[in-house]
Amino acid sequence: MRRALLTPLLVAVLTGYSLLGQDMPCTMTDADSQVSAVWRPADFGGRDAASIRLCVDGTCEERTSGSPDDPFASLSVQLPDDIGTSTVPVRLTVTSAQSGDTVVADSTRARLTEQHPNGTSCPPTSSSPATPSQPPASGETGSTGTGIS
C-alpha cells in the first residue's frame, strides 16, 4: 500500500508538478531579444558570394552568405533584454563579394512584442524576425524585390 502512494508522489516531484497549488516554474527564461535575417545560401550562387549586414536601432552585425551546401543561414542582432514592446528601425544590406556592388539596400521598422511562453506570471521575452521576402534566383547575387518583409 505504501508503495502505491509513493510512486505517484515521486513521479510528481521528478516531473516538476506541484501538488500543493504552487505556480509552475518559469522554465523558458533567458530567451534572447533579437531581430534576425534568414536566407538560403544556395540562392547567392557560390560560397560566400555576398556579405549580409543587418542593423537594428544603430547596432549592426555582418557575415558572409555562407556555403551553398547549407540549407539556411542567419544573422541576428541582439537587443537589450528590457526592450519590451517597441518599434525599432531595421536596415538590411547585401553586397556582392565579387564586384563590391550593393545588390540590396532595404529598411523597415520592426514592431517587437512581448512574449510570455510560460504565462504572464513569468518574465517576458521579445523578438521580431526580419526575413528576406524574395531570395535571389539561383546563380544570382541579388535580385530586384529582395528585401525585408
Foldseek 3Di string as FASTA:
>chain_A
DVVVVVVVVVVCVVVQHDPVPDAGDQPPPPDFAKEKEKDQLQLQEAAQQKKKWKDKQHDIDIDGSGGNVDGMDMDIDTDDFPPAWDKIKMWIWIAGPVPRHTQDTDIDIFTKHWDRPRDPVDDTGIYTYWYWPDRHHRNHNHDPRTDTD
